[in-house]
Amino acid sequence: MAESIRPELLPLPDELRGERVVLRPYRAGDGAAFFAAIDRHREDLKTWVAWVDRHRSVEDSEVYVRRMAGKWLMREALILGIWTHDGEYCGGTGFHGFDWAVPSLELGYFLHKDARGRGYGTEAVRLVTEWGQRGLGARRIWASCDAKNERSWRLLERCGYRREAMLRSECRDHHGELRDTYLYAVTQ
């Protein structure tokens, strides 16, 4: 029988550092950078994610980053901001769904439009995946994306994730359209 994991006792890093990006938990004050990226690329991001309209002000985004900081401490969500070494905010990634009995983690990620096509997303997903496997002991890390979001599923494939399924007409997206969803995973 597998040993029970007590997530509250898992050691968490202050940051994950790659060649060009730094992943770190959100902290008080990050709301301004988060909001600026969302607001500047609002229409583009709304193509794929539903949460954009919850960020109507810097204060909305500051509440979000502080909430994520608290969830980080409690190990309820392990969400990190993606920053360049020069301090440019690029997006976010991390784990927001857990099954500690496996252990299995659900991966999420996004990049604003100006950060795409520069390798930041690939580096960030590789860093967070390695941390999930080695640092958190994940046997399975999985992600889902809209089947039409080719940039997203190609990123997962570059990072070693394998497509496990296509769920046809799996849900209605935030635009009211039926969506096909790809499921990807990496396992140990």
C-alpha atoms as a PDB file:
ATOM      1  CA  MET A   1       0.000   0.000   0.000  1.00  0.00           C
ATOM      2  CA  ALA A   2       1.261   3.467  -0.911  1.00  0.00           C
ATOM      3  CA  GLU A   3       2.398   5.818   1.814  1.00  0.00           C
ATOM      4  CA  SER A   4      -0.053   8.635   2.482  1.00  0.00           C
ATOM      5  CA  ILE A   5       1.209  12.058   1.403  1.00  0.00           C
ATOM      6  CA  ARG A   6       0.516  14.978   3.683  1.00  0.00           C
ATOM      7  CA  PRO A   7       0.751  17.900   1.261  1.00  0.00           C
ATOM      8  CA  GLU A   8       0.946  20.496   4.035  1.00  0.00           C
ATOM      9  CA  LEU A   9       4.360  19.055   4.939  1.00  0.00           C
ATOM     10  CA  LEU A  10       5.818  19.068   1.425  1.00  0.00           C
ATOM     11  CA  PRO A  11       8.770  21.433   1.099  1.00  0.00           C
ATOM     12  CA  LEU A  12       8.115  24.150  -1.461  1.00  0.00           C
ATOM     13  CA  PRO A  13      10.770  26.098  -3.372  1.00  0.00           C
ATOM     14  CA  ASP A  14      11.074  29.867  -3.288  1.00  0.00           C
ATOM     15  CA  GLU A  15      11.522  29.744  -7.064  1.00  0.00           C
ATOM     16  CA  LEU A  16      12.299  27.493 -10.006  1.00  0.00           C
ATOM     17  CA  ARG A  17      15.007  28.997 -12.196  1.00  0.00           C
ATOM     18  CA  GLY A  18      15.602  28.146 -15.838  1.00  0.00           C
ATOM     19  CA  GLU A  19      17.953  29.571 -18.433  1.00  0.00           C
ATOM     20  CA  ARG A  20      15.572  32.428 -19.270  1.00  0.00           C
ATOM     21  CA  VAL A  21      12.606  32.240 -16.903  1.00  0.00           C
ATOM     22  CA  VAL A  22      12.010  32.275 -13.186  1.00  0.00           C
ATOM     23  CA  LEU A  23       8.889  30.652 -11.776  1.00  0.00           C
ATOM     24  CA  ARG A  24       7.887  31.843  -8.341  1.00  0.00           C
ATOM     25  CA  PRO A  25       4.788  31.863  -6.189  1.00  0.00           C
ATOM     26  CA  TYR A  26       2.712  34.993  -6.488  1.00  0.00           C
ATOM     27  CA  ARG A  27       3.124  37.514  -3.691  1.00  0.00           C
ATOM     28  CA  ALA A  28       1.578  40.782  -2.579  1.00  0.00           C
ATOM     29  CA  GLY A  29       2.260  43.453  -5.165  1.00  0.00           C
ATOM     30  CA  ASP A  30       2.215  41.155  -8.213  1.00  0.00           C
ATOM     31  CA  GLY A  31      -1.348  42.168  -9.053  1.00  0.00           C
ATOM     32  CA  ALA A  32      -0.239  45.216 -11.070  1.00  0.00           C
ATOM     33  CA  ALA A  33       1.939  43.165 -13.440  1.00  0.00           C
ATOM     34  CA  PHE A  34      -0.723  40.448 -13.696  1.00  0.00           C
ATOM     35  CA  PHE A  35      -3.442  42.990 -14.505  1.00  0.00           C
ATOM     36  CA  ALA A  36      -1.304  44.890 -17.036  1.00  0.00           C
ATOM     37  CA  ALA A  37      -0.647  41.668 -18.973  1.00  0.00           C
ATOM     38  CA  ILE A  38      -4.303  40.621 -18.858  1.00  0.00           C
ATOM     39  CA  ASP A  39      -5.626  44.043 -19.787  1.00  0.00           C
ATOM     40  CA  ARG A  40      -3.167  44.544 -22.667  1.00  0.00           C
ATOM     41  CA  HIS A  41      -4.046  41.129 -24.154  1.00  0.00           C
ATOM     42  CA  ARG A  42      -7.639  40.757 -22.963  1.00  0.00           C
ATOM     43  CA  GLU A  43      -9.282  39.881 -26.293  1.00  0.00           C
ATOM     44  CA  ASP A  44      -6.577  37.380 -27.244  1.00  0.00           C
ATOM     45  CA  LEU A  45      -6.691  35.599 -23.871  1.00  0.00           C
ATOM     46  CA  LYS A  46     -10.495  35.468 -23.937  1.00  0.00           C
ATOM     47  CA  THR A  47     -10.221  33.174 -26.956  1.00  0.00           C
ATOM     48  CA  TRP A  48      -9.106  30.340 -24.657  1.00  0.00           C
ATOM     49  CA  VAL A  49      -9.750  31.200 -21.001  1.00  0.00           C
ATOM     50  CA  ALA A  50     -12.906  32.220 -19.189  1.00  0.00           C
ATOM     51  CA  TRP A  51     -11.371  33.959 -16.173  1.00  0.00           C
ATOM     52  CA  VAL A  52     -10.128  37.100 -17.958  1.00  0.00           C
ATOM     53  CA  ASP A  53     -13.266  39.132 -17.241  1.00  0.00           C
ATOM     54  CA  ARG A  54     -12.829  38.606 -13.489  1.00  0.00           C
ATOM     55  CA  HIS A  55      -9.841  40.968 -13.765  1.00  0.00           C
ATOM     56  CA  ARG A  56     -11.392  44.401 -14.312  1.00  0.00           C
ATOM     57  CA  SER A  57      -8.946  46.345 -12.141  1.00  0.00           C
ATOM     58  CA  VAL A  58      -5.525  46.124 -10.532  1.00  0.00           C
ATOM     59  CA  GLU A  59      -7.350  45.430  -7.256  1.00  0.00           C
ATOM     60  CA  ASP A  60      -9.106  42.385  -8.781  1.00  0.00           C
ATOM     61  CA  SER A  61      -5.748  40.992  -9.859  1.00  0.00           C
ATOM     62  CA  GLU A  62      -4.129  41.828  -6.527  1.00  0.00           C
ATOM     63  CA  VAL A  63      -6.857  39.869  -4.734  1.00  0.00           C
ATOM     64  CA  TYR A  64      -6.143  36.934  -7.066  1.00  0.00           C
ATOM     65  CA  VAL A  65      -2.365  36.906  -6.517  1.00  0.00           C
ATOM     66  CA  ARG A  66      -2.797  37.178  -2.746  1.00  0.00           C
ATOM     67  CA  ARG A  67      -5.336  34.341  -2.814  1.00  0.00           C
ATOM     68  CA  MET A  68      -2.855  32.209  -4.791  1.00  0.00           C
ATOM     69  CA  ALA A  69      -0.122  33.071  -2.262  1.00  0.00           C
ATOM     70  CA  GLY A  70      -2.357  31.776   0.532  1.00  0.00           C
ATOM     71  CA  LYS A  71      -3.266  28.630  -1.384  1.00  0.00           C
ATOM     72  CA  TRP A  72       0.466  28.062  -2.015  1.00  0.00           C
ATOM     73  CA  LEU A  73       1.148  28.083   1.721  1.00  0.00           C
ATOM     74  CA  MET A  74      -1.720  25.662   2.386  1.00  0.00           C
ATOM     75  CA  ARG A  75      -0.782  23.507  -0.646  1.00  0.00           C
ATOM     76  CA  GLU A  76      -4.330  23.928  -1.991  1.00  0.00           C
ATOM     77  CA  ALA A  77      -3.033  25.251  -5.339  1.00  0.00           C
ATOM     78  CA  LEU A  78       0.595  25.465  -6.380  1.00  0.00           C
ATOM     79  CA  ILE A  79       0.491  28.341  -8.850  1.00  0.00           C
ATOM     80  CA  LEU A  80       3.565  30.265  -9.971  1.00  0.00           C
ATOM     81  CA  GLY A  81       4.090  33.376 -12.034  1.00  0.00           C
ATOM     82  CA  ILE A  82       6.375  33.098 -15.054  1.00  0.00           C
ATOM     83  CA  TRP A  83       8.913  35.942 -15.182  1.00  0.00           C
ATOM     84  CA  THR A  84      11.957  36.592 -17.344  1.00  0.00           C
ATOM     85  CA  HIS A  85      15.274  37.091 -15.589  1.00  0.00           C
ATOM     86  CA  ASP A  86      14.783  40.799 -16.359  1.00  0.00           C
ATOM     87  CA  GLY A  87      11.529  40.843 -14.383  1.00  0.00           C
ATOM     88  CA  GLU A  88       9.074  40.840 -17.311  1.00  0.00           C
ATOM     89  CA  TYR A  89       5.811  39.077 -16.419  1.00  0.00           C
ATOM     90  CA  CYS A  90       4.956  36.397 -19.022  1.00  0.00           C
ATOM     91  CA  GLY A  91       2.093  34.360 -17.565  1.00  0.00           C
ATOM     92  CA  GLY A  92       1.442  31.637 -15.034  1.00  0.00           C
ATOM     93  CA  THR A  93       1.678  27.906 -14.514  1.00  0.00           C
ATOM     94  CA  GLY A  94       1.368  25.331 -11.782  1.00  0.00           C
ATOM     95  CA  PHE A  95      -0.831  22.679 -10.310  1.00  0.00           C
ATOM     96  CA  HIS A  96      -4.454  23.174  -9.309  1.00  0.00           C
ATOM     97  CA  GLY A  97      -5.869  19.682  -9.080  1.00  0.00           C
ATOM     98  CA  PHE A  98      -4.467  16.968  -6.857  1.00  0.00           C
ATOM     99  CA  ASP A  99      -5.016  13.297  -6.185  1.00  0.00           C
ATOM    100  CA  TRP A 100      -2.400  12.578  -3.527  1.00  0.00           C
ATOM    101  CA  ALA A 101      -3.288   8.851  -3.477  1.00  0.00           C
ATOM    102  CA  VAL A 102      -1.655   8.402  -6.925  1.00  0.00           C
ATOM    103  CA  PRO A 103      -0.088  11.108  -6.678  1.00  0.00           C
ATOM    104  CA  SER A 104      -1.528  12.915  -9.702  1.00  0.00           C
ATOM    105  CA  LEU A 105      -1.393  16.639 -10.431  1.00  0.00           C
ATOM    106  CA  GLU A 106      -3.360  18.731 -12.918  1.00  0.00           C
ATOM    107  CA  LEU A 107      -1.219  21.246 -14.789  1.00  0.00           C
ATOM    108  CA  GLY A 108      -2.386  24.643 -15.949  1.00  0.00           C
ATOM    109  CA  TYR A 109      -0.525  27.356 -17.826  1.00  0.00           C
ATOM    110  CA  PHE A 110      -1.009  30.500 -19.865  1.00  0.00           C
ATOM    111  CA  LEU A 111       1.197  33.053 -21.574  1.00  0.00           C
ATOM    112  CA  HIS A 112       0.179  36.495 -22.711  1.00  0.00           C
ATOM    113  CA  LYS A 113       0.550  37.152 -26.425  1.00  0.00           C
ATOM    114  CA  ASP A 114       3.865  39.065 -26.284  1.00  0.00           C
ATOM    115  CA  ALA A 115       5.549  36.198 -24.404  1.00  0.00           C
ATOM    116  CA  ARG A 116       4.557  33.499 -26.897  1.00  0.00           C
ATOM    117  CA  GLY A 117       6.883  32.065 -29.523  1.00  0.00           C
ATOM    118  CA  ARG A 118       9.996  32.790 -27.468  1.00  0.00           C
ATOM    119  CA  GLY A 119      10.354  29.435 -25.688  1.00  0.00           C
ATOM    120  CA  TYR A 120       9.259  30.786 -22.297  1.00  0.00           C
ATOM    121  CA  GLY A 121       6.214  28.512 -22.090  1.00  0.00           C
ATOM    122  CA  THR A 122       8.170  25.402 -23.017  1.00  0.00           C
ATOM    123  CA  GLU A 123      10.858  26.183 -20.458  1.00  0.00           C
ATOM    124  CA  ALA A 124       8.280  26.961 -17.766  1.00  0.00           C
ATOM    125  CA  VAL A 125       6.256  23.778 -18.347  1.00  0.00           C
ATOM    126  CA  ARG A 126       9.428  21.667 -18.342  1.00  0.00           C
ATOM    127  CA  LEU A 127      10.566  23.263 -15.070  1.00  0.00           C
ATOM    128  CA  VAL A 128       7.229  22.836 -13.322  1.00  0.00           C
ATOM    129  CA  THR A 129       6.842  19.268 -14.623  1.00  0.00           C
ATOM    130  CA  GLU A 130      10.274  18.283 -13.331  1.00  0.00           C
ATOM    131  CA  TRP A 131       9.458  19.841  -9.959  1.00  0.00           C
ATOM    132  CA  GLY A 132       6.118  17.997  -9.875  1.00  0.00           C
ATOM    133  CA  GLN A 133       7.821  14.678 -10.521  1.00  0.00           C
ATOM    134  CA  ARG A 134      10.955  15.067  -8.407  1.00  0.00           C
ATOM    135  CA  GLY A 135       9.896  17.549  -5.758  1.00  0.00           C
ATOM    136  CA  LEU A 136       6.282  16.499  -5.256  1.00  0.00           C
ATOM    137  CA  GLY A 137       6.574  12.825  -6.169  1.00  0.00           C
ATOM    138  CA  ALA A 138       3.916  12.938  -8.885  1.00  0.00           C
ATOM    139  CA  ARG A 139       3.475   9.689 -10.785  1.00  0.00           C
ATOM    140  CA  ARG A 140       1.098  11.398 -13.212  1.00  0.00           C
ATOM    141  CA  ILE A 141       0.836  15.010 -14.352  1.00  0.00           C
ATOM    142  CA  TRP A 142      -1.969  15.780 -16.751  1.00  0.00           C
ATOM    143  CA  ALA A 143      -3.391  18.739 -18.634  1.00  0.00           C
ATOM    144  CA  SER A 144      -6.356  19.431 -20.852  1.00  0.00           C
ATOM    145  CA  CYS A 145      -6.794  21.970 -23.612  1.00  0.00           C
ATOM    146  CA  ASP A 146      -9.215  22.919 -26.321  1.00  0.00           C
ATOM    147  CA  ALA A 147      -8.468  20.747 -29.356  1.00  0.00           C
ATOM    148  CA  LYS A 148      -8.419  23.934 -31.479  1.00  0.00           C
ATOM    149  CA  ASN A 149      -5.647  25.451 -29.349  1.00  0.00           C
ATOM    150  CA  GLU A 150      -2.750  24.083 -31.372  1.00  0.00           C
ATOM    151  CA  ARG A 151      -0.121  26.245 -29.634  1.00  0.00           C
ATOM    152  CA  SER A 152      -1.154  24.757 -26.297  1.00  0.00           C
ATOM    153  CA  TRP A 153      -1.140  21.106 -27.259  1.00  0.00           C
ATOM    154  CA  ARG A 154       2.083  21.468 -29.248  1.00  0.00           C
ATOM    155  CA  LEU A 155       3.727  22.958 -26.158  1.00  0.00           C
ATOM    156  CA  LEU A 156       2.659  19.916 -24.135  1.00  0.00           C
ATOM    157  CA  GLU A 157       4.055  17.589 -26.789  1.00  0.00           C
ATOM    158  CA  ARG A 158       7.402  19.466 -26.814  1.00  0.00           C
ATOM    159  CA  CYS A 159       7.549  18.916 -23.051  1.00  0.00           C
ATOM    160  CA  GLY A 160       7.094  15.148 -23.316  1.00  0.00           C
ATOM    161  CA  TYR A 161       3.360  14.915 -22.630  1.00  0.00           C
ATOM    162  CA  ARG A 162       1.444  12.316 -24.604  1.00  0.00           C
ATOM    163  CA  ARG A 163      -2.082  12.719 -25.880  1.00  0.00           C
ATOM    164  CA  GLU A 164      -4.262  10.192 -24.113  1.00  0.00           C
ATOM    165  CA  ALA A 165      -7.701  11.132 -25.345  1.00  0.00           C
ATOM    166  CA  MET A 166      -9.897  13.423 -27.335  1.00  0.00           C
ATOM    167  CA  LEU A 167     -13.207  14.074 -25.627  1.00  0.00           C
ATOM    168  CA  ARG A 168     -15.629  15.079 -28.362  1.00  0.00           C
ATOM    169  CA  SER A 169     -18.208  17.731 -27.500  1.00  0.00           C
ATOM    170  CA  GLU A 170     -16.955  17.414 -23.921  1.00  0.00           C
ATOM    171  CA  CYS A 171     -18.292  20.735 -22.681  1.00  0.00           C
ATOM    172  CA  ARG A 172     -19.495  24.141 -23.715  1.00  0.00           C
ATOM    173  CA  ASP A 173     -16.733  26.692 -23.646  1.00  0.00           C
ATOM    174  CA  HIS A 174     -17.172  30.167 -22.190  1.00  0.00           C
ATOM    175  CA  HIS A 175     -18.435  31.337 -25.604  1.00  0.00           C
ATOM    176  CA  GLY A 176     -21.271  28.785 -25.502  1.00  0.00           C
ATOM    177  CA  GLU A 177     -19.776  26.591 -28.222  1.00  0.00           C
ATOM    178  CA  LEU A 178     -19.347  22.821 -27.890  1.00  0.00           C
ATOM    179  CA  ARG A 179     -15.699  22.048 -27.358  1.00  0.00           C
ATOM    180  CA  ASP A 180     -13.542  19.034 -28.114  1.00  0.00           C
ATOM    181  CA  THR A 181     -10.923  18.594 -25.401  1.00  0.00           C
ATOM    182  CA  TYR A 182      -7.533  16.914 -25.597  1.00  0.00           C
ATOM    183  CA  LEU A 183      -6.156  15.187 -22.536  1.00  0.00           C
ATOM    184  CA  TYR A 184      -2.380  14.940 -22.187  1.00  0.00           C
ATOM    185  CA  ALA A 185      -0.233  13.333 -19.500  1.00  0.00           C
ATOM    186  CA  VAL A 186       3.289  12.491 -18.523  1.00  0.00           C
ATOM    187  CA  THR A 187       3.769   9.537 -16.179  1.00  0.00           C
ATOM    188  CA  GLN A 188       6.554   7.877 -14.237  1.00  0.00           C
END
